[in-house]
C-alpha atoms as a PDB file:
ATOM      1  CA  MET A   1      25.003  35.104  12.879  1.00  0.00           C
ATOM      2  CA  ASP A   2      26.606  34.030  16.141  1.00  0.00           C
ATOM      3  CA  PHE A   3      27.549  30.541  17.298  1.00  0.00           C
ATOM      4  CA  GLN A   4      24.231  29.980  19.108  1.00  0.00           C
ATOM      5  CA  ASP A   5      22.293  30.743  15.919  1.00  0.00           C
ATOM      6  CA  VAL A   6      24.463  28.339  13.936  1.00  0.00           C
ATOM      7  CA  LYS A   7      24.038  25.701  16.618  1.00  0.00           C
ATOM      8  CA  LYS A   8      20.248  26.106  16.514  1.00  0.00           C
ATOM      9  CA  VAL A   9      20.122  25.899  12.706  1.00  0.00           C
ATOM     10  CA  VAL A  10      22.315  22.792  12.676  1.00  0.00           C
ATOM     11  CA  GLY A  11      20.199  21.198  15.411  1.00  0.00           C
ATOM     12  CA  ASP A  12      16.938  21.962  13.609  1.00  0.00           C
ATOM     13  CA  THR A  13      18.330  20.624  10.344  1.00  0.00           C
ATOM     14  CA  ALA A  14      19.523  17.444  12.034  1.00  0.00           C
ATOM     15  CA  GLN A  15      16.073  16.880  13.529  1.00  0.00           C
ATOM     16  CA  LYS A  16      14.465  17.291  10.110  1.00  0.00           C
ATOM     17  CA  VAL A  17      16.929  14.831   8.578  1.00  0.00           C
ATOM     18  CA  VAL A  18      16.198  12.264  11.298  1.00  0.00           C
ATOM     19  CA  LYS A  19      12.454  12.696  10.782  1.00  0.00           C
ATOM     20  CA  LYS A  20      12.740  12.323   6.998  1.00  0.00           C
ATOM     21  CA  SER A  21      15.003   9.278   7.420  1.00  0.00           C
ATOM     22  CA  GLY A  22      12.423   7.658   9.684  1.00  0.00           C
ATOM     23  CA  GLU A  23       9.687   8.374   7.164  1.00  0.00           C
ATOM     24  CA  ALA A  24      11.787   6.876   4.361  1.00  0.00           C
ATOM     25  CA  VAL A  25      12.396   3.723   6.402  1.00  0.00           C
ATOM     26  CA  GLU A  26       8.686   3.412   7.208  1.00  0.00           C
ATOM     27  CA  PHE A  27       7.804   3.994   3.563  1.00  0.00           C
ATOM     28  CA  GLY A  28      10.232   1.248   2.507  1.00  0.00           C
ATOM     29  CA  LYS A  29       8.819  -1.192   5.058  1.00  0.00           C
ATOM     30  CA  LEU A  30       5.267  -0.576   3.873  1.00  0.00           C
ATOM     31  CA  LYS A  31       6.245  -0.987   0.213  1.00  0.00           C
ATOM     32  CA  TYR A  32       8.011  -4.271   1.018  1.00  0.00           C
ATOM     33  CA  LYS A  33       4.960  -5.582   2.937  1.00  0.00           C
ATOM     34  CA  ILE A  34       2.747  -4.746  -0.054  1.00  0.00           C
ATOM     35  CA  TYR A  35       5.180  -6.506  -2.406  1.00  0.00           C
ATOM     36  CA  ASP A  36       5.253  -9.552  -0.127  1.00  0.00           C
ATOM     37  CA  ILE A  37       1.446  -9.754   0.054  1.00  0.00           C
ATOM     38  CA  GLN A  38       1.176  -9.380  -3.726  1.00  0.00           C
ATOM     39  CA  ASN A  39       3.541 -12.352  -4.085  1.00  0.00           C
ATOM     40  CA  ASP A  40       1.318 -14.341  -1.705  1.00  0.00           C
ATOM     41  CA  ILE A  41      -1.700 -13.488  -3.860  1.00  0.00           C
ATOM     42  CA  SER A  42       0.114 -14.622  -7.000  1.00  0.00           C
ATOM     43  CA  LYS A  43       0.938 -17.962  -5.365  1.00  0.00           C
ATOM     44  CA  ILE A  44      -2.694 -18.438  -4.345  1.00  0.00           C
ATOM     45  CA  PHE A  45      -3.817 -17.699  -7.914  1.00  0.00           C
ATOM     46  CA  VAL A  46      -1.438 -20.416  -9.149  1.00  0.00           C
ATOM     47  CA  GLN A  47      -2.822 -22.834  -6.559  1.00  0.00           C
ATOM     48  CA  ILE A  48      -6.377 -22.054  -7.677  1.00  0.00           C
ATOM     49  CA  GLY A  49      -5.400 -22.663 -11.286  1.00  0.00           C
ATOM     50  CA  GLN A  50      -3.833 -25.999 -10.372  1.00  0.00           C
ATOM     51  CA  ASP A  51      -6.921 -26.942  -8.355  1.00  0.00           C
ATOM     52  CA  VAL A  52      -9.207 -26.114 -11.276  1.00  0.00           C
ATOM     53  CA  TYR A  53      -7.081 -28.074 -13.719  1.00  0.00           C
ATOM     54  CA  GLU A  54      -6.790 -31.090 -11.423  1.00  0.00           C
ATOM     55  CA  GLY A  55     -10.547 -30.960 -10.888  1.00  0.00           C
ATOM     56  CA  TYR A  56     -11.070 -30.832 -14.630  1.00  0.00           C
ATOM     57  CA  LYS A  57      -8.785 -33.828 -15.189  1.00  0.00           C
ATOM     58  CA  GLY A  58     -10.274 -35.772 -12.275  1.00  0.00           C
ATOM     59  CA  ASP A  59     -13.862 -34.719 -12.996  1.00  0.00           C
ATOM     60  CA  TYR A  60     -14.443 -33.187  -9.563  1.00  0.00           C
ATOM     61  CA  VAL A  61     -14.705 -29.762  -7.950  1.00  0.00           C
ATOM     62  CA  ASN A  62     -12.080 -28.806  -5.382  1.00  0.00           C
ATOM     63  CA  ASP A  63     -13.770 -27.418  -2.261  1.00  0.00           C
ATOM     64  CA  ASP A  64     -10.672 -25.355  -1.328  1.00  0.00           C
ATOM     65  CA  ILE A  65     -11.159 -22.855  -4.141  1.00  0.00           C
ATOM     66  CA  PRO A  66     -13.716 -20.613  -2.366  1.00  0.00           C
ATOM     67  CA  SER A  67     -11.553 -20.404   0.775  1.00  0.00           C
ATOM     68  CA  LYS A  68      -8.538 -19.476  -1.365  1.00  0.00           C
ATOM     69  CA  CYS A  69     -10.598 -16.763  -3.072  1.00  0.00           C
ATOM     70  CA  GLU A  70     -11.598 -15.411   0.346  1.00  0.00           C
ATOM     71  CA  LEU A  71      -7.924 -15.398   1.356  1.00  0.00           C
ATOM     72  CA  ILE A  72      -7.119 -13.325  -1.732  1.00  0.00           C
ATOM     73  CA  ASP A  73      -9.843 -10.841  -0.743  1.00  0.00           C
ATOM     74  CA  GLN A  74      -8.368 -10.601   2.784  1.00  0.00           C
ATOM     75  CA  LYS A  75      -4.884 -10.001   1.401  1.00  0.00           C
ATOM     76  CA  LYS A  76      -6.184  -7.324  -0.974  1.00  0.00           C
ATOM     77  CA  ALA A  77      -7.815  -5.609   2.012  1.00  0.00           C
ATOM     78  CA  GLU A  78      -4.441  -5.726   3.819  1.00  0.00           C
ATOM     79  CA  ILE A  79      -2.816  -4.108   0.796  1.00  0.00           C
ATOM     80  CA  GLU A  80      -5.425  -1.340   0.783  1.00  0.00           C
ATOM     81  CA  GLU A  81      -4.731  -0.626   4.477  1.00  0.00           C
ATOM     82  CA  LEU A  82      -0.987  -0.467   3.806  1.00  0.00           C
ATOM     83  CA  GLU A  83      -1.530   1.784   0.792  1.00  0.00           C
ATOM     84  CA  GLU A  84      -3.614   4.103   2.984  1.00  0.00           C
ATOM     85  CA  LYS A  85      -0.689   4.345   5.402  1.00  0.00           C
ATOM     86  CA  LEU A  86       1.581   5.159   2.453  1.00  0.00           C
ATOM     87  CA  ARG A  87      -0.808   7.891   1.334  1.00  0.00           C
ATOM     88  CA  GLU A  88      -0.753   9.342   4.860  1.00  0.00           C
ATOM     89  CA  LEU A  89       3.059   9.395   4.814  1.00  0.00           C
ATOM     90  CA  LYS A  90       3.041  11.121   1.426  1.00  0.00           C
ATOM     91  CA  ASN A  91       0.246  13.508   2.488  1.00  0.00           C
ATOM     92  CA  THR A  92      -2.084  12.324  -0.277  1.00  0.00           C
ATOM     93  CA  LYS A  93      -5.567  10.848  -0.519  1.00  0.00           C
ATOM     94  CA  LYS A  94      -7.454   8.549  -2.886  1.00  0.00           C
ATOM     95  CA  CYS A  95     -10.513   9.646  -4.841  1.00  0.00           C
ATOM     96  CA  ASN A  96     -13.536   7.531  -3.932  1.00  0.00           C
ATOM     97  CA  SER A  97     -14.902   7.933  -7.438  1.00  0.00           C
ATOM     98  CA  CYS A  98     -12.004   7.130  -9.792  1.00  0.00           C
ATOM     99  CA  GLY A  99      -9.361   5.819  -7.390  1.00  0.00           C
ATOM    100  CA  LYS A 100      -6.659   8.288  -8.442  1.00  0.00           C
ATOM    101  CA  VAL A 101      -4.349   9.733  -5.798  1.00  0.00           C
ATOM    102  CA  SER A 102      -4.133  13.484  -5.239  1.00  0.00           C
ATOM    103  CA  LYS A 103      -2.746  15.956  -2.704  1.00  0.00           C
ATOM    104  CA  LYS A 104      -4.472  15.932   0.673  1.00  0.00           C
ATOM    105  CA  GLU A 105      -5.354  19.626   0.392  1.00  0.00           C
ATOM    106  CA  ASP A 106      -7.113  19.209  -2.984  1.00  0.00           C
ATOM    107  CA  ALA A 107     -10.841  19.835  -2.717  1.00  0.00           C
ATOM    108  CA  PHE A 108     -11.542  18.203  -6.086  1.00  0.00           C
ATOM    109  CA  CYS A 109     -10.005  15.220  -7.811  1.00  0.00           C
ATOM    110  CA  PRO A 110      -7.656  16.467 -10.561  1.00  0.00           C
ATOM    111  CA  SER A 111      -8.522  13.406 -12.617  1.00  0.00           C
ATOM    112  CA  CYS A 112     -12.317  13.194 -12.549  1.00  0.00           C
ATOM    113  CA  GLY A 113     -13.327  16.484 -10.886  1.00  0.00           C
ATOM    114  CA  VAL A 114     -15.397  14.927  -8.099  1.00  0.00           C
ATOM    115  CA  SER A 115     -15.380  16.673  -4.720  1.00  0.00           C
ATOM    116  CA  ILE A 116     -13.061  14.778  -2.379  1.00  0.00           C
END
């Protein structure tokens, strides 16, 4: 192997490392966004619980509860979009039947056997 071959191998390896590093950073960012949104959802659940309790004690219904429930649904949809991006990075897909994640090249879900 001459110097040019070594140079090419080192260059190719460096490019792969840079690509993998970028993917790892993107993966970390997506995971953090999901974590952050899940924390937002938890806070909204606490607010709903407080609203229900205060309504119970004050003998009234808080009109903010449905809008908070809709906000939770929106945030869960955001999480699903982010999880789809994660699956793309990991080269996986989600079964529409059971929700389990499998390899992108799988024709059938390894969990439930449905064609995916």
